[in-house]
Amino acid sequence: MEKDKKTYRTDEEKRLITNRLSRIEGQVKGIKRMVEEDKYCHDILIQLSAIENSIRSLSNHILENHLYSCVSNDLEKGNLEVIDELISLFKKFNKA
């Protein structure tokens, strides 16, 4: 896998991703505030679960775009190394 590979995204796609990341960042700050204010563990855990779901959803969105763009383009060019890259990626995704 090349270290200098890049994915060029449209301005709209960048805006969508950064908006979702900003929302996640806000959720994290909210939980930090909850801890500082001694909020009930149950409530904090619910918010942590919401963050996990937000991150998973964003990861799936980026993965889908990766498959349709980067991987598809590499395969069309005959670059089968992208399959090894995908296998490695899925192994990382499935670690718990």
C-alpha atoms as a PDB file:
ATOM      1  CA  MET A   1       0.000   0.000   0.000  1.00  0.00           C
ATOM      2  CA  GLU A   2       1.358   3.416  -0.959  1.00  0.00           C
ATOM      3  CA  LYS A   3       1.783   5.797   1.953  1.00  0.00           C
ATOM      4  CA  ASP A   4       1.106   8.883  -0.157  1.00  0.00           C
ATOM      5  CA  LYS A   5      -2.245   7.720  -1.507  1.00  0.00           C
ATOM      6  CA  LYS A   6      -4.944  10.365  -1.364  1.00  0.00           C
ATOM      7  CA  THR A   7      -8.684  10.420  -1.755  1.00  0.00           C
ATOM      8  CA  TYR A   8     -10.021  13.516  -3.428  1.00  0.00           C
ATOM      9  CA  ARG A   9     -13.509  14.361  -2.210  1.00  0.00           C
ATOM     10  CA  THR A  10     -15.993  16.881  -3.473  1.00  0.00           C
ATOM     11  CA  ASP A  11     -16.576  19.987  -1.386  1.00  0.00           C
ATOM     12  CA  GLU A  12     -20.026  18.633  -0.564  1.00  0.00           C
ATOM     13  CA  GLU A  13     -18.581  15.315   0.673  1.00  0.00           C
ATOM     14  CA  LYS A  14     -15.955  17.117   2.769  1.00  0.00           C
ATOM     15  CA  ARG A  15     -18.684  19.314   4.258  1.00  0.00           C
ATOM     16  CA  LEU A  16     -20.847  16.280   5.078  1.00  0.00           C
ATOM     17  CA  ILE A  17     -17.964  14.452   6.791  1.00  0.00           C
ATOM     18  CA  THR A  18     -16.725  17.485   8.716  1.00  0.00           C
ATOM     19  CA  ASN A  19     -20.280  18.311   9.872  1.00  0.00           C
ATOM     20  CA  ARG A  20     -20.697  14.784  11.195  1.00  0.00           C
ATOM     21  CA  LEU A  21     -17.288  14.940  12.896  1.00  0.00           C
ATOM     22  CA  SER A  22     -18.226  18.263  14.484  1.00  0.00           C
ATOM     23  CA  ARG A  23     -21.418  16.682  15.802  1.00  0.00           C
ATOM     24  CA  ILE A  24     -19.391  13.794  17.272  1.00  0.00           C
ATOM     25  CA  GLU A  25     -16.946  16.279  18.781  1.00  0.00           C
ATOM     26  CA  GLY A  26     -19.890  18.079  20.398  1.00  0.00           C
ATOM     27  CA  GLN A  27     -21.159  14.784  21.799  1.00  0.00           C
ATOM     28  CA  VAL A  28     -17.733  14.069  23.336  1.00  0.00           C
ATOM     29  CA  LYS A  29     -17.599  17.533  24.892  1.00  0.00           C
ATOM     30  CA  GLY A  30     -21.089  16.973  26.266  1.00  0.00           C
ATOM     31  CA  ILE A  31     -20.001  13.749  27.953  1.00  0.00           C
ATOM     32  CA  LYS A  32     -16.939  15.451  29.383  1.00  0.00           C
ATOM     33  CA  ARG A  33     -19.255  18.074  30.874  1.00  0.00           C
ATOM     34  CA  MET A  34     -21.518  15.326  32.239  1.00  0.00           C
ATOM     35  CA  VAL A  35     -18.561  13.720  34.025  1.00  0.00           C
ATOM     36  CA  GLU A  36     -17.472  17.074  35.448  1.00  0.00           C
ATOM     37  CA  GLU A  37     -21.037  17.620  36.714  1.00  0.00           C
ATOM     38  CA  ASP A  38     -21.197  14.137  38.310  1.00  0.00           C
ATOM     39  CA  LYS A  39     -24.056  12.981  36.112  1.00  0.00           C
ATOM     40  CA  TYR A  40     -25.427   9.487  36.617  1.00  0.00           C
ATOM     41  CA  CYS A  41     -23.330   6.686  35.048  1.00  0.00           C
ATOM     42  CA  HIS A  42     -26.340   5.313  33.170  1.00  0.00           C
ATOM     43  CA  ASP A  43     -26.874   8.640  31.392  1.00  0.00           C
ATOM     44  CA  ILE A  44     -23.198   8.886  30.435  1.00  0.00           C
ATOM     45  CA  LEU A  45     -23.218   5.330  29.093  1.00  0.00           C
ATOM     46  CA  ILE A  46     -26.260   6.106  26.941  1.00  0.00           C
ATOM     47  CA  GLN A  47     -24.416   9.080  25.461  1.00  0.00           C
ATOM     48  CA  LEU A  48     -21.283   6.982  24.883  1.00  0.00           C
ATOM     49  CA  SER A  49     -23.421   4.477  23.013  1.00  0.00           C
ATOM     50  CA  ALA A  50     -24.780   7.302  20.855  1.00  0.00           C
ATOM     51  CA  ILE A  51     -21.212   8.372  20.004  1.00  0.00           C
ATOM     52  CA  GLU A  52     -20.258   4.806  19.088  1.00  0.00           C
ATOM     53  CA  ASN A  53     -23.250   4.643  16.751  1.00  0.00           C
ATOM     54  CA  SER A  54     -22.360   7.999  15.198  1.00  0.00           C
ATOM     55  CA  ILE A  55     -18.770   6.921  14.588  1.00  0.00           C
ATOM     56  CA  ARG A  56     -19.862   3.553  13.198  1.00  0.00           C
ATOM     57  CA  SER A  57     -22.308   5.260  10.838  1.00  0.00           C
ATOM     58  CA  LEU A  58     -19.636   7.689   9.603  1.00  0.00           C
ATOM     59  CA  SER A  59     -17.129   4.847   9.205  1.00  0.00           C
ATOM     60  CA  ASN A  60     -19.623   2.898   7.129  1.00  0.00           C
ATOM     61  CA  HIS A  61     -20.300   5.943   4.967  1.00  0.00           C
ATOM     62  CA  ILE A  62     -16.585   6.470   4.296  1.00  0.00           C
ATOM     63  CA  LEU A  63     -16.068   2.744   3.706  1.00  0.00           C
ATOM     64  CA  GLU A  64     -18.896   2.655   1.162  1.00  0.00           C
ATOM     65  CA  ASN A  65     -17.421   5.622  -0.691  1.00  0.00           C
ATOM     66  CA  HIS A  66     -13.993   3.984  -0.538  1.00  0.00           C
ATOM     67  CA  LEU A  67     -15.329   0.817  -2.154  1.00  0.00           C
ATOM     68  CA  TYR A  68     -17.178   2.663  -4.919  1.00  0.00           C
ATOM     69  CA  SER A  69     -14.334   5.046  -5.709  1.00  0.00           C
ATOM     70  CA  CYS A  70     -10.811   4.125  -4.588  1.00  0.00           C
ATOM     71  CA  VAL A  71     -11.137   0.345  -4.652  1.00  0.00           C
ATOM     72  CA  SER A  72     -13.168   0.312  -7.845  1.00  0.00           C
ATOM     73  CA  ASN A  73     -10.612   2.541  -9.595  1.00  0.00           C
ATOM     74  CA  ASP A  74      -7.680   0.409  -8.415  1.00  0.00           C
ATOM     75  CA  LEU A  75      -9.339  -2.781  -9.604  1.00  0.00           C
ATOM     76  CA  GLU A  76     -10.115  -1.241 -12.992  1.00  0.00           C
ATOM     77  CA  LYS A  77      -6.405  -0.389 -13.294  1.00  0.00           C
ATOM     78  CA  GLY A  78      -5.503  -3.984 -12.443  1.00  0.00           C
ATOM     79  CA  ASN A  79      -4.090  -3.117  -9.027  1.00  0.00           C
ATOM     80  CA  LEU A  80      -4.952  -6.261  -7.089  1.00  0.00           C
ATOM     81  CA  GLU A  81      -2.928  -5.105  -4.059  1.00  0.00           C
ATOM     82  CA  VAL A  82      -6.045  -3.198  -3.087  1.00  0.00           C
ATOM     83  CA  ILE A  83      -7.574  -6.553  -2.088  1.00  0.00           C
ATOM     84  CA  ASP A  84      -4.854  -7.056   0.539  1.00  0.00           C
ATOM     85  CA  GLU A  85      -5.479  -3.501   1.716  1.00  0.00           C
ATOM     86  CA  LEU A  86      -9.195  -4.263   2.069  1.00  0.00           C
ATOM     87  CA  ILE A  87      -8.568  -7.495   3.974  1.00  0.00           C
ATOM     88  CA  SER A  88      -6.347  -5.596   6.403  1.00  0.00           C
ATOM     89  CA  LEU A  89      -8.991  -2.897   6.736  1.00  0.00           C
ATOM     90  CA  PHE A  90     -11.762  -5.387   7.489  1.00  0.00           C
ATOM     91  CA  LYS A  91      -9.584  -7.080  10.109  1.00  0.00           C
ATOM     92  CA  LYS A  92      -9.118  -3.729  11.836  1.00  0.00           C
ATOM     93  CA  PHE A  93     -12.854  -3.000  11.602  1.00  0.00           C
ATOM     94  CA  ASN A  94     -13.677  -6.343  13.223  1.00  0.00           C
ATOM     95  CA  LYS A  95     -11.379  -5.970  16.218  1.00  0.00           C
ATOM     96  CA  ALA A  96     -13.311  -5.461  19.380  1.00  0.00           C
END
